[in-house]
N, C-alpha and C. Protein backbone atom coordinates (compact mmCIF):
# COMPACT_ATOMS: atom_id res chain seq x y z
N MET A 1 -59.43 30.12 -81.08
CA MET A 1 -59.92 29.27 -79.67
C MET A 1 -59.08 28.51 -78.81
N PHE A 2 -58.42 27.61 -79.56
CA PHE A 2 -56.84 27.16 -78.29
C PHE A 2 -56.24 27.97 -77.49
N PHE A 3 -55.97 29.31 -78.07
CA PHE A 3 -54.98 30.19 -77.56
C PHE A 3 -55.23 30.76 -76.32
N GLN A 4 -56.66 30.97 -76.07
CA GLN A 4 -57.10 31.78 -74.81
C GLN A 4 -57.28 30.38 -73.75
N LYS A 5 -57.91 29.36 -74.28
CA LYS A 5 -57.98 28.48 -73.33
C LYS A 5 -56.54 28.16 -72.68
N LEU A 6 -55.55 28.12 -73.64
CA LEU A 6 -54.08 27.63 -73.34
C LEU A 6 -53.69 28.83 -72.08
N ILE A 7 -54.28 29.78 -72.52
CA ILE A 7 -53.56 31.30 -71.54
C ILE A 7 -54.29 30.67 -69.98
N HIS A 8 -55.40 30.66 -70.44
CA HIS A 8 -56.27 29.96 -68.97
C HIS A 8 -55.64 29.05 -68.36
N ALA A 9 -55.11 27.80 -68.77
CA ALA A 9 -54.48 26.91 -68.29
C ALA A 9 -53.48 27.41 -67.48
N PHE A 10 -52.24 27.99 -67.85
CA PHE A 10 -51.19 28.58 -67.39
C PHE A 10 -51.35 29.27 -66.38
N GLU A 11 -52.53 29.94 -66.10
CA GLU A 11 -53.18 31.05 -65.05
C GLU A 11 -53.32 30.00 -63.95
N ASN A 12 -53.55 28.71 -64.13
CA ASN A 12 -53.84 27.93 -62.66
C ASN A 12 -52.94 27.47 -62.29
N GLN A 13 -52.59 26.91 -61.29
CA GLN A 13 -51.84 26.30 -60.55
C GLN A 13 -50.61 24.71 -61.11
N LEU A 14 -49.52 25.06 -61.07
CA LEU A 14 -49.25 23.98 -61.97
C LEU A 14 -49.09 22.66 -61.47
N PRO A 15 -49.73 21.48 -61.72
CA PRO A 15 -49.83 19.93 -61.19
C PRO A 15 -48.25 19.88 -60.53
N GLY A 16 -47.17 20.05 -61.03
CA GLY A 16 -45.90 20.04 -60.20
C GLY A 16 -45.40 18.95 -60.43
N GLU A 17 -44.41 18.34 -59.45
CA GLU A 17 -43.68 17.33 -59.03
C GLU A 17 -44.69 16.01 -58.80
N SER A 18 -45.66 16.14 -58.12
CA SER A 18 -46.70 14.86 -57.73
C SER A 18 -46.85 14.28 -59.22
N VAL A 19 -46.97 15.08 -60.35
CA VAL A 19 -47.34 14.08 -61.13
C VAL A 19 -45.64 13.72 -62.31
N HIS A 20 -44.83 14.61 -61.98
CA HIS A 20 -43.43 13.84 -62.40
C HIS A 20 -43.56 12.44 -62.05
N GLN A 21 -43.64 12.71 -60.53
CA GLN A 21 -43.37 11.00 -60.04
C GLN A 21 -44.24 9.85 -61.17
N GLU A 22 -45.40 10.02 -61.48
CA GLU A 22 -45.98 8.97 -62.22
C GLU A 22 -45.02 8.71 -63.57
N MET A 23 -44.37 9.19 -64.02
CA MET A 23 -43.34 8.86 -65.21
C MET A 23 -41.62 8.72 -64.57
N ALA A 24 -41.61 8.93 -63.58
CA ALA A 24 -40.08 8.69 -63.16
C ALA A 24 -40.02 7.20 -62.72
N PRO A 25 -38.85 6.83 -62.92
CA PRO A 25 -38.26 5.41 -62.04
C PRO A 25 -38.71 5.63 -60.64
N SER A 26 -38.72 4.13 -59.97
CA SER A 26 -38.98 4.36 -58.44
C SER A 26 -37.99 4.73 -57.76
N ASN A 27 -36.64 4.85 -58.38
CA ASN A 27 -35.44 5.38 -57.36
C ASN A 27 -35.09 6.70 -57.75
N ARG A 28 -35.64 7.54 -58.20
CA ARG A 28 -35.49 8.82 -58.85
C ARG A 28 -35.65 9.94 -57.82
N PRO A 29 -35.36 10.73 -57.38
CA PRO A 29 -35.44 11.66 -56.37
C PRO A 29 -36.18 12.77 -57.15
N LEU A 30 -37.13 13.40 -56.15
CA LEU A 30 -37.88 14.53 -56.73
C LEU A 30 -36.63 15.82 -57.02
N SER A 31 -37.17 16.23 -58.21
CA SER A 31 -36.04 17.58 -58.43
C SER A 31 -35.78 18.32 -57.42
N SER A 32 -36.84 18.46 -56.76
CA SER A 32 -36.83 19.71 -55.36
C SER A 32 -35.78 19.47 -54.27
N TRP A 33 -35.77 18.16 -54.06
CA TRP A 33 -34.66 17.36 -53.36
C TRP A 33 -33.56 17.43 -54.06
N GLY A 34 -32.79 17.28 -55.31
CA GLY A 34 -31.68 17.37 -56.18
C GLY A 34 -31.12 18.98 -55.94
N ILE A 35 -32.09 19.85 -56.45
CA ILE A 35 -31.69 20.88 -56.43
C ILE A 35 -31.09 21.43 -55.26
N ALA A 36 -32.08 20.76 -54.09
CA ALA A 36 -31.64 21.50 -52.55
C ALA A 36 -30.69 20.98 -52.26
N ASN A 37 -30.02 19.64 -52.41
CA ASN A 37 -28.86 18.90 -51.93
C ASN A 37 -27.61 19.03 -53.00
N ASN A 38 -27.75 20.21 -53.76
CA ASN A 38 -26.44 20.30 -54.84
C ASN A 38 -26.31 21.88 -54.93
N THR A 39 -25.05 22.51 -55.22
CA THR A 39 -24.75 23.75 -55.56
C THR A 39 -24.05 24.30 -56.63
N ASP A 40 -23.81 23.09 -57.13
CA ASP A 40 -22.98 23.09 -58.38
C ASP A 40 -23.26 22.76 -59.85
N TYR A 41 -24.67 22.83 -59.54
CA TYR A 41 -25.85 22.56 -60.83
C TYR A 41 -25.69 23.48 -61.95
N LYS A 42 -25.72 22.74 -63.10
CA LYS A 42 -25.89 23.66 -64.69
C LYS A 42 -27.45 24.18 -64.68
N GLU A 43 -27.57 25.29 -65.33
CA GLU A 43 -29.01 25.46 -65.80
C GLU A 43 -29.26 25.11 -67.71
N SER A 44 -30.35 25.03 -67.74
CA SER A 44 -30.65 24.62 -69.20
C SER A 44 -32.06 24.84 -69.49
N ALA A 45 -32.46 25.31 -70.40
CA ALA A 45 -33.80 25.52 -70.63
C ALA A 45 -34.27 24.94 -72.24
N VAL A 46 -35.52 24.34 -72.27
CA VAL A 46 -36.26 23.55 -73.64
C VAL A 46 -37.11 24.45 -73.83
N SER A 47 -37.86 24.08 -75.19
CA SER A 47 -38.78 25.05 -75.63
C SER A 47 -39.88 23.61 -76.12
N VAL A 48 -41.02 23.94 -75.15
CA VAL A 48 -41.94 22.88 -75.31
C VAL A 48 -43.04 24.20 -76.51
N ILE A 49 -42.76 23.49 -77.71
CA ILE A 49 -43.98 24.13 -78.72
C ILE A 49 -45.36 23.37 -79.00
N ILE A 50 -46.34 24.37 -78.96
CA ILE A 50 -47.47 23.67 -78.96
C ILE A 50 -48.09 24.60 -80.21
N TYR A 51 -48.66 23.71 -81.19
CA TYR A 51 -49.09 24.61 -82.32
C TYR A 51 -50.74 23.95 -82.51
N PRO A 52 -51.49 24.60 -83.36
CA PRO A 52 -52.90 24.05 -83.87
C PRO A 52 -52.64 23.30 -84.97
N ASN A 53 -53.23 22.12 -85.20
CA ASN A 53 -53.36 21.32 -86.38
C ASN A 53 -54.84 20.75 -86.61
N GLN A 54 -55.97 21.65 -87.37
CA GLN A 54 -57.05 21.57 -87.55
C GLN A 54 -57.65 21.46 -86.54
N SER A 55 -58.52 20.41 -85.52
CA SER A 55 -59.14 20.73 -84.59
C SER A 55 -58.61 20.19 -83.42
N THR A 56 -57.18 19.84 -83.46
CA THR A 56 -56.01 19.56 -82.35
C THR A 56 -55.27 20.32 -82.04
N LEU A 57 -54.36 20.00 -80.97
CA LEU A 57 -53.00 20.47 -80.59
C LEU A 57 -51.70 19.46 -80.94
N LYS A 58 -50.62 19.78 -81.50
CA LYS A 58 -49.52 19.20 -81.78
C LYS A 58 -48.22 19.51 -80.96
N THR A 59 -47.58 19.00 -80.75
CA THR A 59 -46.03 19.36 -79.93
C THR A 59 -45.20 18.84 -81.02
N ILE A 60 -43.74 19.07 -80.75
CA ILE A 60 -42.31 18.63 -81.28
C ILE A 60 -41.44 18.38 -80.22
N VAL A 61 -41.11 17.29 -80.52
CA VAL A 61 -39.96 16.47 -80.04
C VAL A 61 -38.93 16.34 -80.89
N ILE A 62 -37.68 16.03 -80.36
CA ILE A 62 -36.39 15.93 -81.38
C ILE A 62 -35.87 14.51 -80.87
N GLN A 63 -35.34 13.52 -81.83
CA GLN A 63 -34.40 12.59 -81.25
C GLN A 63 -32.84 12.90 -81.23
N ARG A 64 -32.14 12.69 -80.37
CA ARG A 64 -30.76 13.10 -80.23
C ARG A 64 -29.90 11.94 -81.25
N PRO A 65 -28.75 12.37 -81.87
CA PRO A 65 -27.96 10.95 -82.29
C PRO A 65 -27.34 10.23 -81.69
N GLU A 66 -26.91 9.01 -82.03
CA GLU A 66 -26.45 8.16 -81.17
C GLU A 66 -24.80 8.78 -80.70
N TYR A 67 -24.58 9.11 -79.83
CA TYR A 67 -23.17 9.33 -79.44
C TYR A 67 -22.73 8.73 -78.17
N GLU A 68 -21.22 8.79 -77.69
CA GLU A 68 -21.09 8.40 -76.60
C GLU A 68 -21.20 9.72 -75.30
N GLY A 69 -22.32 9.32 -74.81
CA GLY A 69 -22.93 10.19 -73.64
C GLY A 69 -23.97 9.76 -72.93
N ASN A 70 -24.92 10.85 -71.73
CA ASN A 70 -25.32 10.25 -71.24
C ASN A 70 -26.95 10.23 -72.22
N HIS A 71 -27.13 11.15 -73.00
CA HIS A 71 -28.21 11.03 -73.53
C HIS A 71 -28.50 10.86 -75.20
N SER A 72 -27.61 9.59 -75.29
CA SER A 72 -27.56 9.70 -77.07
C SER A 72 -28.56 8.70 -77.11
N GLY A 73 -29.16 9.18 -78.13
CA GLY A 73 -30.51 8.56 -78.78
C GLY A 73 -31.75 9.06 -78.19
N GLN A 74 -31.40 9.44 -77.23
CA GLN A 74 -32.76 9.98 -76.43
C GLN A 74 -33.68 11.24 -77.04
N ILE A 75 -34.94 10.92 -76.94
CA ILE A 75 -36.05 12.01 -77.51
C ILE A 75 -35.80 13.09 -76.24
N SER A 76 -36.05 14.47 -76.75
CA SER A 76 -35.89 15.61 -75.82
C SER A 76 -36.62 16.69 -76.40
N PHE A 77 -36.90 17.69 -75.84
CA PHE A 77 -36.90 18.68 -76.81
C PHE A 77 -35.93 19.63 -77.21
N PRO A 78 -36.39 20.55 -78.18
CA PRO A 78 -35.22 21.29 -78.41
C PRO A 78 -34.80 22.20 -77.12
N GLY A 79 -33.66 22.13 -77.23
CA GLY A 79 -33.26 23.01 -76.01
C GLY A 79 -31.26 22.80 -75.27
N GLY A 80 -31.07 23.40 -74.90
CA GLY A 80 -29.85 23.29 -74.07
C GLY A 80 -29.06 24.26 -72.69
N LYS A 81 -27.97 24.14 -72.67
CA LYS A 81 -27.85 24.98 -71.57
C LYS A 81 -27.64 26.33 -72.05
N LYS A 82 -27.48 27.30 -70.62
CA LYS A 82 -27.72 28.31 -70.65
C LYS A 82 -26.39 28.76 -71.04
N GLU A 83 -26.21 29.96 -71.55
CA GLU A 83 -25.01 30.65 -72.22
C GLU A 83 -24.76 32.09 -71.70
N LYS A 84 -23.20 32.22 -72.03
CA LYS A 84 -22.99 33.47 -70.98
C LYS A 84 -23.65 34.82 -71.78
N ASN A 85 -24.12 34.72 -72.78
CA ASN A 85 -24.75 35.82 -73.79
C ASN A 85 -26.14 35.67 -73.47
N ASP A 86 -26.84 34.73 -72.94
CA ASP A 86 -28.06 34.97 -73.05
C ASP A 86 -28.75 35.60 -71.84
N PRO A 87 -29.50 36.60 -72.04
CA PRO A 87 -30.34 37.43 -71.29
C PRO A 87 -30.93 36.49 -70.18
N ASN A 88 -31.33 35.83 -70.70
CA ASN A 88 -32.51 34.77 -69.49
C ASN A 88 -32.45 33.35 -69.86
N LEU A 89 -33.27 32.78 -69.31
CA LEU A 89 -33.47 31.22 -69.54
C LEU A 89 -34.56 31.03 -70.66
N GLU A 90 -35.79 31.93 -70.76
CA GLU A 90 -36.41 32.22 -71.88
C GLU A 90 -35.67 32.28 -73.11
N HIS A 91 -34.99 33.36 -72.97
CA HIS A 91 -33.63 33.38 -74.31
C HIS A 91 -32.87 32.30 -74.83
N THR A 92 -32.47 31.50 -73.71
CA THR A 92 -31.95 30.21 -73.94
C THR A 92 -32.76 28.99 -74.74
N ALA A 93 -34.09 29.14 -74.10
CA ALA A 93 -34.96 28.13 -74.72
C ALA A 93 -35.25 28.57 -76.25
N ARG A 94 -35.42 29.82 -76.51
CA ARG A 94 -35.95 30.10 -77.92
C ARG A 94 -34.81 30.15 -78.64
N ARG A 95 -33.38 30.46 -78.18
CA ARG A 95 -32.08 30.67 -79.49
C ARG A 95 -32.04 29.17 -79.38
N GLU A 96 -31.89 28.20 -78.50
CA GLU A 96 -31.75 27.06 -78.92
C GLU A 96 -32.70 25.97 -79.67
N CYS A 97 -33.75 26.42 -79.48
CA CYS A 97 -34.72 26.09 -80.54
C CYS A 97 -34.63 26.48 -81.88
N PHE A 98 -34.22 27.88 -82.14
CA PHE A 98 -33.98 28.24 -83.06
C PHE A 98 -32.56 27.50 -84.01
N GLU A 99 -31.80 27.19 -83.19
CA GLU A 99 -30.47 26.46 -83.77
C GLU A 99 -30.58 24.98 -84.07
N GLU A 100 -31.56 24.75 -83.28
CA GLU A 100 -31.65 23.01 -83.55
C GLU A 100 -32.88 22.71 -84.17
N ILE A 101 -33.75 23.24 -84.51
CA ILE A 101 -35.01 23.27 -85.73
C ILE A 101 -34.97 24.21 -86.54
N GLY A 102 -34.69 25.17 -86.17
CA GLY A 102 -34.96 26.68 -87.37
C GLY A 102 -36.37 27.55 -86.82
N ILE A 103 -36.82 27.35 -85.65
CA ILE A 103 -37.67 28.01 -85.18
C ILE A 103 -37.34 29.50 -84.73
N PRO A 104 -37.45 30.72 -85.41
CA PRO A 104 -36.95 32.16 -85.65
C PRO A 104 -37.13 32.34 -84.03
N ILE A 105 -36.03 32.94 -83.21
CA ILE A 105 -36.25 33.28 -81.73
C ILE A 105 -37.42 34.12 -81.75
N ASN A 106 -37.99 34.96 -82.74
CA ASN A 106 -39.00 36.02 -81.91
C ASN A 106 -40.32 35.12 -82.36
N LYS A 107 -40.63 34.11 -82.70
CA LYS A 107 -41.66 33.08 -83.19
C LYS A 107 -42.15 32.48 -82.04
N GLY A 108 -43.62 32.76 -81.91
CA GLY A 108 -44.20 32.09 -80.75
C GLY A 108 -44.61 33.07 -79.30
N GLN A 109 -45.80 32.76 -79.13
CA GLN A 109 -46.10 33.32 -77.79
C GLN A 109 -45.72 32.64 -76.35
N LEU A 110 -45.33 33.40 -75.51
CA LEU A 110 -44.82 32.29 -74.27
C LEU A 110 -46.26 32.26 -73.57
N LEU A 111 -46.63 31.02 -73.12
CA LEU A 111 -47.75 30.91 -72.35
C LEU A 111 -47.42 30.46 -70.99
N GLY A 112 -46.09 30.32 -70.66
CA GLY A 112 -46.26 30.02 -69.46
C GLY A 112 -44.58 29.01 -69.36
N GLU A 113 -44.38 28.84 -68.05
CA GLU A 113 -43.25 27.85 -67.57
C GLU A 113 -43.97 26.31 -67.12
N LEU A 114 -43.31 25.32 -67.06
CA LEU A 114 -43.61 24.01 -66.18
C LEU A 114 -42.90 24.12 -64.94
N THR A 115 -43.01 23.15 -64.52
CA THR A 115 -42.17 23.00 -63.15
C THR A 115 -40.66 22.39 -63.83
N LYS A 116 -39.63 23.00 -63.04
CA LYS A 116 -38.11 22.34 -63.35
C LYS A 116 -38.18 21.15 -62.81
N VAL A 117 -36.87 20.74 -63.68
CA VAL A 117 -36.79 19.30 -63.40
C VAL A 117 -35.05 19.17 -63.40
N TYR A 118 -34.95 18.52 -62.28
CA TYR A 118 -33.35 18.15 -62.08
C TYR A 118 -33.13 17.09 -62.74
N ILE A 119 -32.07 16.95 -63.41
CA ILE A 119 -31.18 15.35 -63.99
C ILE A 119 -29.82 15.26 -63.45
N PRO A 120 -30.50 14.37 -62.54
CA PRO A 120 -29.10 13.91 -61.71
C PRO A 120 -27.97 13.23 -62.69
N VAL A 121 -27.63 12.89 -63.46
CA VAL A 121 -26.86 12.22 -64.33
C VAL A 121 -26.02 13.10 -65.06
N SER A 122 -26.59 14.09 -65.48
CA SER A 122 -25.52 15.19 -65.71
C SER A 122 -25.42 16.59 -64.92
N ASN A 123 -26.41 16.66 -63.83
CA ASN A 123 -26.33 17.69 -62.92
C ASN A 123 -26.66 19.12 -63.59
N PHE A 124 -28.04 18.83 -64.19
CA PHE A 124 -28.72 20.39 -64.90
C PHE A 124 -29.59 20.27 -64.20
N ILE A 125 -30.40 21.30 -64.13
CA ILE A 125 -31.63 21.77 -64.21
C ILE A 125 -32.35 22.39 -65.24
N VAL A 126 -33.37 21.83 -65.65
CA VAL A 126 -34.23 21.89 -66.86
C VAL A 126 -35.42 22.83 -66.68
N TYR A 127 -35.27 24.18 -67.20
CA TYR A 127 -36.24 24.85 -67.43
C TYR A 127 -37.28 24.90 -68.27
N PRO A 128 -38.57 24.20 -68.67
CA PRO A 128 -39.42 24.12 -69.62
C PRO A 128 -40.29 25.68 -70.09
N TYR A 129 -39.83 25.77 -70.93
CA TYR A 129 -40.75 27.21 -71.26
C TYR A 129 -41.67 26.78 -72.48
N VAL A 130 -43.02 26.96 -72.30
CA VAL A 130 -44.03 26.47 -73.29
C VAL A 130 -44.55 27.81 -74.49
N PHE A 131 -44.62 27.28 -75.36
CA PHE A 131 -44.58 28.34 -76.63
C PHE A 131 -45.81 28.05 -77.56
N TYR A 132 -46.87 29.06 -77.70
CA TYR A 132 -47.70 28.81 -78.67
C TYR A 132 -47.34 29.32 -80.21
N VAL A 133 -47.25 28.31 -81.11
CA VAL A 133 -46.82 28.96 -82.54
C VAL A 133 -47.92 28.81 -83.10
N THR A 134 -48.29 29.88 -83.95
CA THR A 134 -49.89 29.51 -84.95
C THR A 134 -49.66 28.74 -86.04
N GLU A 135 -48.62 28.96 -86.67
CA GLU A 135 -48.10 28.16 -87.92
C GLU A 135 -46.46 27.72 -87.56
N ILE A 136 -46.08 26.52 -87.89
CA ILE A 136 -44.85 26.19 -88.05
C ILE A 136 -44.13 26.36 -89.52
N PRO A 137 -43.04 27.31 -89.11
CA PRO A 137 -42.64 27.45 -90.50
C PRO A 137 -41.69 25.97 -91.04
N ASN A 138 -40.93 26.42 -91.91
CA ASN A 138 -40.17 25.07 -92.43
C ASN A 138 -38.97 24.84 -91.38
N LEU A 139 -39.15 23.34 -91.12
CA LEU A 139 -38.07 23.34 -90.01
C LEU A 139 -37.02 22.55 -90.75
N ILE A 140 -35.61 23.45 -90.11
CA ILE A 140 -34.65 22.60 -90.51
C ILE A 140 -33.77 22.25 -89.10
N ARG A 141 -33.40 21.24 -89.35
CA ARG A 141 -32.62 20.24 -88.17
C ARG A 141 -30.95 20.74 -88.00
N ASP A 142 -30.67 21.01 -87.09
CA ASP A 142 -29.36 20.83 -87.05
C ASP A 142 -28.61 19.25 -87.01
N LEU A 143 -27.87 19.08 -87.83
CA LEU A 143 -27.68 17.97 -88.30
C LEU A 143 -26.26 17.30 -86.98
N ARG A 144 -25.77 18.11 -86.41
CA ARG A 144 -24.96 17.34 -85.51
C ARG A 144 -25.66 17.25 -84.09
N GLU A 145 -26.92 17.60 -83.62
CA GLU A 145 -27.64 18.18 -82.58
C GLU A 145 -28.95 16.95 -83.15
N VAL A 146 -29.10 16.77 -83.91
CA VAL A 146 -30.64 16.29 -84.02
C VAL A 146 -30.49 15.15 -85.28
N ALA A 147 -31.03 13.95 -84.94
CA ALA A 147 -31.19 12.89 -85.85
C ALA A 147 -32.48 13.07 -86.55
N GLU A 148 -33.53 13.61 -85.80
CA GLU A 148 -35.10 13.47 -86.29
C GLU A 148 -35.81 14.37 -85.43
N ILE A 149 -36.80 14.97 -86.37
CA ILE A 149 -38.02 16.06 -85.86
C ILE A 149 -39.09 15.20 -85.78
N VAL A 150 -39.77 14.82 -84.65
CA VAL A 150 -40.88 14.40 -84.49
C VAL A 150 -42.13 15.06 -83.89
N HIS A 151 -43.24 15.16 -84.82
CA HIS A 151 -44.36 15.82 -84.14
C HIS A 151 -45.73 15.00 -84.10
N PHE A 152 -46.21 15.04 -83.14
CA PHE A 152 -47.30 14.06 -82.22
C PHE A 152 -48.65 14.85 -81.82
N ASP A 153 -49.65 14.51 -81.74
CA ASP A 153 -51.16 15.09 -81.17
C ASP A 153 -50.39 14.98 -79.69
N LEU A 154 -51.19 16.05 -79.07
CA LEU A 154 -51.01 16.05 -77.38
C LEU A 154 -51.72 15.13 -76.87
N LYS A 155 -53.07 14.79 -77.37
CA LYS A 155 -54.03 13.97 -77.04
C LYS A 155 -53.24 12.27 -76.83
N GLU A 156 -52.24 12.29 -77.49
CA GLU A 156 -51.67 10.51 -77.57
C GLU A 156 -51.23 10.57 -76.22
N LEU A 157 -50.72 11.45 -75.36
CA LEU A 157 -50.38 11.50 -74.03
C LEU A 157 -51.51 11.00 -73.01
N SER A 158 -52.59 10.84 -73.59
CA SER A 158 -54.00 10.71 -72.55
C SER A 158 -54.56 9.45 -72.69
N LYS A 159 -53.81 8.52 -73.62
CA LYS A 159 -54.45 7.24 -74.14
C LYS A 159 -53.51 6.27 -73.20
N PRO A 160 -54.27 5.37 -72.57
CA PRO A 160 -53.53 4.36 -71.27
C PRO A 160 -52.72 3.30 -72.46
N GLU A 161 -53.07 3.01 -73.40
CA GLU A 161 -52.11 2.11 -74.19
C GLU A 161 -50.70 2.60 -74.79
N ASN A 162 -50.79 4.07 -74.94
CA ASN A 162 -49.46 4.49 -75.06
C ASN A 162 -48.53 4.98 -73.74
N ILE A 163 -48.90 4.40 -72.62
CA ILE A 163 -48.12 4.35 -71.84
C ILE A 163 -47.53 2.94 -71.13
N ASP A 164 -46.08 3.07 -71.09
CA ASP A 164 -45.97 1.51 -70.82
C ASP A 164 -44.24 1.59 -70.23
N MET A 165 -43.58 0.49 -69.83
CA MET A 165 -42.18 0.21 -68.95
C MET A 165 -41.39 -0.37 -70.04
N MET A 166 -40.26 0.72 -69.70
CA MET A 166 -39.20 0.00 -70.90
C MET A 166 -37.80 -0.60 -69.50
N GLU A 167 -36.88 -1.31 -70.41
CA GLU A 167 -35.52 -1.31 -69.95
C GLU A 167 -34.43 -0.72 -71.05
N ILE A 168 -33.37 0.00 -70.38
CA ILE A 168 -32.24 0.70 -70.94
C ILE A 168 -30.88 0.13 -70.50
N GLN A 169 -30.21 -0.27 -71.13
CA GLN A 169 -29.03 -0.70 -71.33
C GLN A 169 -28.38 0.51 -71.64
N PHE A 170 -27.26 0.85 -70.60
CA PHE A 170 -26.47 1.92 -70.52
C PHE A 170 -25.19 1.95 -71.28
N GLN A 171 -24.55 2.78 -71.90
CA GLN A 171 -22.81 2.34 -72.38
C GLN A 171 -21.99 1.86 -71.38
N ASN A 172 -22.04 1.92 -70.04
CA ASN A 172 -21.56 1.09 -68.98
C ASN A 172 -21.47 -0.19 -68.90
N GLY A 173 -22.66 -0.67 -69.41
CA GLY A 173 -23.20 -1.89 -69.26
C GLY A 173 -24.11 -2.25 -68.54
N LYS A 174 -24.39 -0.86 -67.34
CA LYS A 174 -25.52 -1.40 -66.68
C LYS A 174 -27.07 -1.49 -66.85
N THR A 175 -27.94 -2.09 -66.46
CA THR A 175 -29.04 -2.12 -66.96
C THR A 175 -30.25 -1.80 -66.00
N LYS A 176 -31.25 -0.69 -66.33
CA LYS A 176 -32.17 -0.25 -65.51
C LYS A 176 -33.71 -0.94 -66.10
N LYS A 177 -34.33 -1.42 -65.24
CA LYS A 177 -35.33 -1.73 -65.82
C LYS A 177 -36.83 -1.16 -65.39
N ASN A 178 -37.91 -1.39 -65.52
CA ASN A 178 -39.24 -0.91 -65.41
C ASN A 178 -39.05 0.51 -65.07
N ILE A 179 -38.63 1.26 -66.43
CA ILE A 179 -38.58 3.13 -66.07
C ILE A 179 -39.86 3.43 -66.94
N PRO A 180 -40.87 4.17 -66.32
CA PRO A 180 -42.17 4.38 -66.93
C PRO A 180 -41.46 5.38 -68.40
N CYS A 181 -42.29 4.89 -69.39
CA CYS A 181 -42.39 5.65 -70.89
C CYS A 181 -43.71 5.79 -71.63
N PHE A 182 -43.72 7.07 -72.49
CA PHE A 182 -44.52 7.32 -73.33
C PHE A 182 -43.88 6.43 -74.76
N THR A 183 -44.98 5.57 -75.23
CA THR A 183 -44.58 5.33 -77.00
C THR A 183 -45.48 5.76 -77.48
N ILE A 184 -44.97 6.78 -78.57
CA ILE A 184 -45.75 7.60 -79.20
C ILE A 184 -44.74 7.66 -80.57
N ALA A 185 -45.65 7.94 -81.64
CA ALA A 185 -45.02 7.95 -83.22
C ALA A 185 -44.03 6.82 -82.82
N ASN A 186 -43.56 5.81 -82.73
CA ASN A 186 -42.86 4.44 -82.77
C ASN A 186 -41.42 4.86 -81.77
N LYS A 187 -41.74 6.10 -80.93
CA LYS A 187 -40.58 6.42 -80.13
C LYS A 187 -40.92 6.28 -78.57
N LYS A 188 -40.00 5.63 -77.79
CA LYS A 188 -40.24 5.84 -76.44
C LYS A 188 -39.50 6.80 -75.76
N ILE A 189 -40.61 7.66 -75.05
CA ILE A 189 -40.29 9.04 -74.43
C ILE A 189 -40.22 8.86 -73.10
N TRP A 190 -39.07 8.92 -72.53
CA TRP A 190 -38.64 8.80 -70.97
C TRP A 190 -37.42 9.65 -70.48
N GLY A 191 -37.96 9.54 -69.00
CA GLY A 191 -36.44 10.49 -68.42
C GLY A 191 -37.29 12.24 -68.41
N ALA A 192 -36.45 13.05 -68.34
CA ALA A 192 -37.15 14.30 -67.82
C ALA A 192 -38.02 14.38 -69.23
N THR A 193 -37.87 14.39 -70.23
CA THR A 193 -39.20 15.06 -71.20
C THR A 193 -40.47 14.04 -70.69
N ALA A 194 -40.32 12.90 -70.45
CA ALA A 194 -41.46 12.32 -70.15
C ALA A 194 -42.37 12.85 -68.78
N LEU A 195 -41.41 13.29 -68.12
CA LEU A 195 -41.82 14.15 -66.83
C LEU A 195 -42.49 15.40 -66.98
N ILE A 196 -41.99 16.08 -68.40
CA ILE A 196 -42.52 17.43 -68.55
C ILE A 196 -43.65 16.98 -69.10
N LEU A 197 -43.56 16.19 -70.17
CA LEU A 197 -44.90 15.83 -70.94
C LEU A 197 -46.09 15.33 -69.98
N ASN A 198 -45.79 14.74 -69.03
CA ASN A 198 -46.96 14.43 -67.85
C ASN A 198 -47.45 15.48 -67.41
N GLU A 199 -46.78 16.31 -66.94
CA GLU A 199 -47.29 17.42 -66.34
C GLU A 199 -48.08 18.25 -67.25
N LEU A 200 -47.27 18.28 -68.61
CA LEU A 200 -48.31 19.50 -69.30
C LEU A 200 -49.97 18.93 -69.64
N LYS A 201 -49.40 17.52 -69.57
CA LYS A 201 -51.03 16.73 -69.76
C LYS A 201 -52.02 16.68 -69.19
N HIS A 202 -51.50 17.00 -67.70
CA HIS A 202 -52.37 16.96 -66.53
C HIS A 202 -53.00 18.57 -66.58
N LEU A 203 -51.92 19.43 -66.86
CA LEU A 203 -52.24 20.73 -66.85
C LEU A 203 -53.52 21.01 -67.90
N LEU A 204 -53.54 20.35 -69.02
CA LEU A 204 -54.23 20.53 -70.42
C LEU A 204 -55.45 19.76 -69.86
N ASN A 205 -55.47 18.68 -69.31
CA ASN A 205 -56.85 17.85 -68.53
C ASN A 205 -57.43 18.58 -67.77
N ASN A 206 -56.79 19.28 -66.79
CA ASN A 206 -57.50 19.79 -65.76
C ASN A 206 -58.25 20.86 -66.51
N SER A 207 -57.84 21.43 -67.65
CA SER A 207 -58.69 22.67 -68.10
C SER A 207 -59.70 22.32 -69.62
N ASN A 208 -59.71 21.19 -69.66
CA ASN A 208 -60.69 20.32 -70.48
C ASN A 208 -60.25 20.68 -72.00
N ILE A 209 -58.77 20.87 -71.99
CA ILE A 209 -58.14 21.39 -73.67
C ILE A 209 -57.96 20.08 -74.34
N LEU A 210 -57.80 18.71 -73.76
CA LEU A 210 -57.29 17.87 -74.29
C LEU A 210 -58.71 16.73 -74.48
């Protein structure tokens, strides 16, 4: 039941950057602007895993370990930069998902792509690939790359009480306030991951799936 509805949802036009803005800080440029005004950006891809659980749909995110870097401790999707041996970005998403949480490269039906996101702080373009997995295998996290694997019901994205604002203290001592975020499973989800999830939420709501 879910699979066919999801296939039809991705046949429709994507909500795009207009819904990214709902979860973006006020001074964050549009991804299309960032891409158009940079020539030396790097490419990466993430796996947005959707799987059925009884009468609902769930997804998987990961928490990055604490380290000296731009994405320390953040919630993200399994993913990473495109390597020279990757034939395409879909393979990048699948390979990284296998390396980070153990979902086999050949497991999961590609539903489609969401709108790419430009990350100014690291100069990456992130390509989100959405996969439907009928049954989640035993997950094995990469201890260096993944501090925690988090599962949650996609319906949580549509609950107003789960949308909040947060303040971030960066390692350089700077503080950024009023950053939109989802608060789900006791985790603050912001940045590119929040933008991707918000577009997914709108796409599924527009198709009466959530």
